[in-house]
Amino acid sequence: MVANIAGTQTITSGSDNTIQFQKSTDPQGWFNNSNYRFTPTIAGYYQATLQVWWNTASANTDQFNSQIRKNGSGISITQTPRNTQMGISQNQTVIVICDGTNVYNAQTATSSSITALTIGNGSAAAPSLSFTGDATTGLYLAASKDRKSTRL
């Protein structure tokens, strides 16, 4: 499953904002474009990758972050100081264990600044969210000890 933002989204400061991805590839129909959640119906290990492009900030104070969440709780977070010289990319990959029934994975972004920031660069390639694996078996890609992808 792959989901993207085709344009930009304003991220308000001081609270989590759900990134409003829209699915571009979803053979199983597990991503909901209305609530931005991935709900697999096959139990297994899922490799989740989140990429967020933050546009140039107006001040060098504070920080911003992006998160992958499972059932409302953060399981992965990337934090970066603000930058007035150029935009910044945040990337993270995590393995999530889903039970096949009520597990939801969503993504959020937060800016601790007084002003809002925008994410996305108007390209369908950034930001993006992906979950990869084999939908027929529930066995998904994970990192092995030598940090290469391998089938479980």
C-alpha atoms as a PDB file:
ATOM      1  CA  MET A   1       0.000   0.000   0.000  1.00  0.00           C
ATOM      2  CA  VAL A   2       1.280   3.441  -0.897  1.00  0.00           C
ATOM      3  CA  ALA A   3      -0.381   6.766  -0.036  1.00  0.00           C
ATOM      4  CA  ASN A   4       0.727  10.311  -0.890  1.00  0.00           C
ATOM      5  CA  ILE A   5      -0.175  13.984  -0.648  1.00  0.00           C
ATOM      6  CA  ALA A   6      -0.373  15.500  -4.120  1.00  0.00           C
ATOM      7  CA  GLY A   7      -0.174  19.108  -2.895  1.00  0.00           C
ATOM      8  CA  THR A   8       0.600  20.596   0.506  1.00  0.00           C
ATOM      9  CA  GLN A   9      -1.003  20.497   3.957  1.00  0.00           C
ATOM     10  CA  THR A  10      -0.749  23.131   6.679  1.00  0.00           C
ATOM     11  CA  ILE A  11       0.388  21.723  10.037  1.00  0.00           C
ATOM     12  CA  THR A  12      -0.768  23.876  12.947  1.00  0.00           C
ATOM     13  CA  SER A  13       1.443  24.316  15.981  1.00  0.00           C
ATOM     14  CA  GLY A  14       1.013  22.838  19.423  1.00  0.00           C
ATOM     15  CA  SER A  15      -0.898  19.625  18.648  1.00  0.00           C
ATOM     16  CA  ASP A  16      -0.755  16.526  16.497  1.00  0.00           C
ATOM     17  CA  ASN A  17      -2.143  16.891  12.980  1.00  0.00           C
ATOM     18  CA  THR A  18      -3.121  13.784  11.014  1.00  0.00           C
ATOM     19  CA  ILE A  19      -1.373  13.796   7.653  1.00  0.00           C
ATOM     20  CA  GLN A  20      -4.123  13.593   5.056  1.00  0.00           C
ATOM     21  CA  PHE A  21      -2.696  10.956   2.741  1.00  0.00           C
ATOM     22  CA  GLN A  22      -4.713   9.571  -0.163  1.00  0.00           C
ATOM     23  CA  LYS A  23      -3.997   6.041  -1.351  1.00  0.00           C
ATOM     24  CA  SER A  24      -2.325   5.659  -4.727  1.00  0.00           C
ATOM     25  CA  THR A  25      -1.810   1.884  -4.584  1.00  0.00           C
ATOM     26  CA  ASP A  26      -3.908  -0.306  -2.281  1.00  0.00           C
ATOM     27  CA  PRO A  27      -4.603  -3.766  -3.718  1.00  0.00           C
ATOM     28  CA  GLN A  28      -6.298  -5.031  -0.528  1.00  0.00           C
ATOM     29  CA  GLY A  29      -8.390  -1.907   0.168  1.00  0.00           C
ATOM     30  CA  TRP A  30      -6.950  -1.533   3.673  1.00  0.00           C
ATOM     31  CA  PHE A  31      -6.313   2.236   3.612  1.00  0.00           C
ATOM     32  CA  ASN A  32      -9.225   4.567   4.392  1.00  0.00           C
ATOM     33  CA  ASN A  33      -9.037   7.920   2.570  1.00  0.00           C
ATOM     34  CA  SER A  34     -11.550   9.485   5.016  1.00  0.00           C
ATOM     35  CA  ASN A  35      -9.814   8.795   8.347  1.00  0.00           C
ATOM     36  CA  TYR A  36      -6.283   8.212   6.909  1.00  0.00           C
ATOM     37  CA  ARG A  37      -5.874   4.844   8.646  1.00  0.00           C
ATOM     38  CA  PHE A  38      -4.358   1.584   7.467  1.00  0.00           C
ATOM     39  CA  THR A  39      -6.334  -1.397   8.801  1.00  0.00           C
ATOM     40  CA  PRO A  40      -5.025  -4.750   7.572  1.00  0.00           C
ATOM     41  CA  THR A  41      -7.297  -7.765   7.969  1.00  0.00           C
ATOM     42  CA  ILE A  42      -4.474 -10.300   7.833  1.00  0.00           C
ATOM     43  CA  ALA A  43      -2.365 -10.628  10.975  1.00  0.00           C
ATOM     44  CA  GLY A  44       1.363 -10.273  10.514  1.00  0.00           C
ATOM     45  CA  TYR A  45       4.428  -8.076  10.575  1.00  0.00           C
ATOM     46  CA  TYR A  46       4.222  -4.933   8.451  1.00  0.00           C
ATOM     47  CA  GLN A  47       7.068  -2.679   7.414  1.00  0.00           C
ATOM     48  CA  ALA A  48       5.793   0.916   7.639  1.00  0.00           C
ATOM     49  CA  THR A  49       7.768   3.741   6.023  1.00  0.00           C
ATOM     50  CA  LEU A  50       6.843   7.396   6.498  1.00  0.00           C
ATOM     51  CA  GLN A  51       8.460  10.240   4.538  1.00  0.00           C
ATOM     52  CA  VAL A  52       7.545  13.861   5.252  1.00  0.00           C
ATOM     53  CA  TRP A  53       8.858  16.968   3.472  1.00  0.00           C
ATOM     54  CA  TRP A  54       8.726  20.118   5.639  1.00  0.00           C
ATOM     55  CA  ASN A  55       8.871  23.371   3.700  1.00  0.00           C
ATOM     56  CA  THR A  56      11.266  26.158   4.742  1.00  0.00           C
ATOM     57  CA  ALA A  57      10.477  27.663   8.155  1.00  0.00           C
ATOM     58  CA  SER A  58      10.327  31.394   8.870  1.00  0.00           C
ATOM     59  CA  ALA A  59      12.335  31.156  12.129  1.00  0.00           C
ATOM     60  CA  ASN A  60      15.084  28.885  13.500  1.00  0.00           C
ATOM     61  CA  THR A  61      13.373  28.263  16.828  1.00  0.00           C
ATOM     62  CA  ASP A  62      11.669  25.163  18.121  1.00  0.00           C
ATOM     63  CA  GLN A  63      11.298  21.851  16.282  1.00  0.00           C
ATOM     64  CA  PHE A  64       8.873  19.724  14.349  1.00  0.00           C
ATOM     65  CA  ASN A  65       8.204  15.993  14.239  1.00  0.00           C
ATOM     66  CA  SER A  66       6.445  13.235  12.359  1.00  0.00           C
ATOM     67  CA  GLN A  67       5.144  10.018  13.907  1.00  0.00           C
ATOM     68  CA  ILE A  68       3.788   6.610  13.015  1.00  0.00           C
ATOM     69  CA  ARG A  69       1.022   5.602  15.422  1.00  0.00           C
ATOM     70  CA  LYS A  70      -0.621   2.292  16.260  1.00  0.00           C
ATOM     71  CA  ASN A  71      -4.036   2.434  17.980  1.00  0.00           C
ATOM     72  CA  GLY A  72      -3.412   6.102  18.838  1.00  0.00           C
ATOM     73  CA  SER A  73      -0.035   5.560  20.507  1.00  0.00           C
ATOM     74  CA  GLY A  74       3.236   6.642  18.936  1.00  0.00           C
ATOM     75  CA  ILE A  75       5.543   3.792  17.923  1.00  0.00           C
ATOM     76  CA  SER A  76       8.070   5.814  15.920  1.00  0.00           C
ATOM     77  CA  ILE A  77       8.996   9.503  15.942  1.00  0.00           C
ATOM     78  CA  THR A  78      11.464  11.701  14.074  1.00  0.00           C
ATOM     79  CA  GLN A  79      12.225  15.181  15.470  1.00  0.00           C
ATOM     80  CA  THR A  80      14.152  17.906  13.655  1.00  0.00           C
ATOM     81  CA  PRO A  81      15.095  21.515  14.511  1.00  0.00           C
ATOM     82  CA  ARG A  82      13.533  24.143  12.257  1.00  0.00           C
ATOM     83  CA  ASN A  83      15.593  25.496   9.359  1.00  0.00           C
ATOM     84  CA  THR A  84      15.186  28.829   7.559  1.00  0.00           C
ATOM     85  CA  GLN A  85      17.583  28.018   4.719  1.00  0.00           C
ATOM     86  CA  MET A  86      15.830  25.071   3.070  1.00  0.00           C
ATOM     87  CA  GLY A  87      13.125  22.468   3.503  1.00  0.00           C
ATOM     88  CA  ILE A  88      13.866  19.298   5.450  1.00  0.00           C
ATOM     89  CA  SER A  89      12.944  15.673   4.820  1.00  0.00           C
ATOM     90  CA  GLN A  90      12.075  13.321   7.691  1.00  0.00           C
ATOM     91  CA  ASN A  91      12.175   9.574   7.030  1.00  0.00           C
ATOM     92  CA  GLN A  92      11.425   6.619   9.279  1.00  0.00           C
ATOM     93  CA  THR A  93      10.788   2.910   8.926  1.00  0.00           C
ATOM     94  CA  VAL A  94       9.408   0.619  11.621  1.00  0.00           C
ATOM     95  CA  ILE A  95       8.059  -2.935  11.831  1.00  0.00           C
ATOM     96  CA  VAL A  96       4.517  -3.075  13.268  1.00  0.00           C
ATOM     97  CA  ILE A  97       2.799  -6.234  14.473  1.00  0.00           C
ATOM     98  CA  CYS A  98      -0.874  -6.281  13.509  1.00  0.00           C
ATOM     99  CA  ASP A  99      -3.391  -8.798  14.823  1.00  0.00           C
ATOM    100  CA  GLY A 100      -5.648  -8.634  11.766  1.00  0.00           C
ATOM    101  CA  THR A 101      -8.707  -7.173  13.486  1.00  0.00           C
ATOM    102  CA  ASN A 102      -8.620  -3.800  15.230  1.00  0.00           C
ATOM    103  CA  VAL A 103      -5.157  -2.352  14.639  1.00  0.00           C
ATOM    104  CA  TYR A 104      -5.019   1.083  13.053  1.00  0.00           C
ATOM    105  CA  ASN A 105      -1.887   2.838  11.927  1.00  0.00           C
ATOM    106  CA  ALA A 106      -2.021   6.557  11.359  1.00  0.00           C
ATOM    107  CA  GLN A 107       0.570   9.270  11.036  1.00  0.00           C
ATOM    108  CA  THR A 108       0.804  12.678  12.632  1.00  0.00           C
ATOM    109  CA  ALA A 109       2.904  15.781  12.366  1.00  0.00           C
ATOM    110  CA  THR A 110       3.483  18.509  14.952  1.00  0.00           C
ATOM    111  CA  SER A 111       5.169  21.900  14.862  1.00  0.00           C
ATOM    112  CA  SER A 112       6.114  23.477  18.195  1.00  0.00           C
ATOM    113  CA  SER A 113       6.344  26.872  16.523  1.00  0.00           C
ATOM    114  CA  ILE A 114       3.974  29.760  17.081  1.00  0.00           C
ATOM    115  CA  THR A 115       3.240  29.771  13.355  1.00  0.00           C
ATOM    116  CA  ALA A 116       2.024  26.931  11.169  1.00  0.00           C
ATOM    117  CA  LEU A 117       4.255  25.113   8.684  1.00  0.00           C
ATOM    118  CA  THR A 118       3.366  23.297   5.487  1.00  0.00           C
ATOM    119  CA  ILE A 119       4.360  19.816   4.440  1.00  0.00           C
ATOM    120  CA  GLY A 120       4.526  18.549   0.881  1.00  0.00           C
ATOM    121  CA  ASN A 121       6.143  20.030  -2.185  1.00  0.00           C
ATOM    122  CA  GLY A 122       3.281  19.732  -4.640  1.00  0.00           C
ATOM    123  CA  SER A 123       4.648  16.431  -5.954  1.00  0.00           C
ATOM    124  CA  ALA A 124       2.829  13.135  -5.515  1.00  0.00           C
ATOM    125  CA  ALA A 125       6.130  11.609  -4.384  1.00  0.00           C
ATOM    126  CA  ALA A 126       6.542  13.552  -1.130  1.00  0.00           C
ATOM    127  CA  PRO A 127       5.362  13.087   1.522  1.00  0.00           C
ATOM    128  CA  SER A 128       4.412   9.428   1.387  1.00  0.00           C
ATOM    129  CA  LEU A 129       3.407   6.498   3.564  1.00  0.00           C
ATOM    130  CA  SER A 130       3.868   2.848   2.621  1.00  0.00           C
ATOM    131  CA  PHE A 131       3.186  -0.571   4.127  1.00  0.00           C
ATOM    132  CA  THR A 132       4.861  -3.448   2.310  1.00  0.00           C
ATOM    133  CA  GLY A 133       4.540  -7.201   2.328  1.00  0.00           C
ATOM    134  CA  ASP A 134       2.683 -10.283   1.083  1.00  0.00           C
ATOM    135  CA  ALA A 135      -1.066  -9.908   1.640  1.00  0.00           C
ATOM    136  CA  THR A 136      -1.870 -13.584   1.034  1.00  0.00           C
ATOM    137  CA  THR A 137       0.270 -14.971   3.869  1.00  0.00           C
ATOM    138  CA  GLY A 138       0.481 -12.180   6.456  1.00  0.00           C
ATOM    139  CA  LEU A 139       4.277 -12.528   6.375  1.00  0.00           C
ATOM    140  CA  TYR A 140       5.857  -9.190   5.748  1.00  0.00           C
ATOM    141  CA  LEU A 141       9.275  -7.714   5.238  1.00  0.00           C
ATOM    142  CA  ALA A 142      11.474  -7.028   8.241  1.00  0.00           C
ATOM    143  CA  ALA A 143      15.083  -6.081   8.830  1.00  0.00           C
ATOM    144  CA  SER A 144      17.441  -8.940   9.573  1.00  0.00           C
ATOM    145  CA  LYS A 145      20.536  -8.696  11.787  1.00  0.00           C
ATOM    146  CA  ASP A 146      22.661  -7.560   8.838  1.00  0.00           C
ATOM    147  CA  ARG A 147      20.088  -4.794   8.110  1.00  0.00           C
ATOM    148  CA  LYS A 148      19.018  -6.244   4.780  1.00  0.00           C
ATOM    149  CA  SER A 149      15.345  -6.855   4.050  1.00  0.00           C
ATOM    150  CA  THR A 150      14.292 -10.452   4.324  1.00  0.00           C
ATOM    151  CA  ARG A 151      11.054 -12.414   4.249  1.00  0.00           C
ATOM    152  CA  LEU A 152      10.006 -13.717   7.686  1.00  0.00           C
END
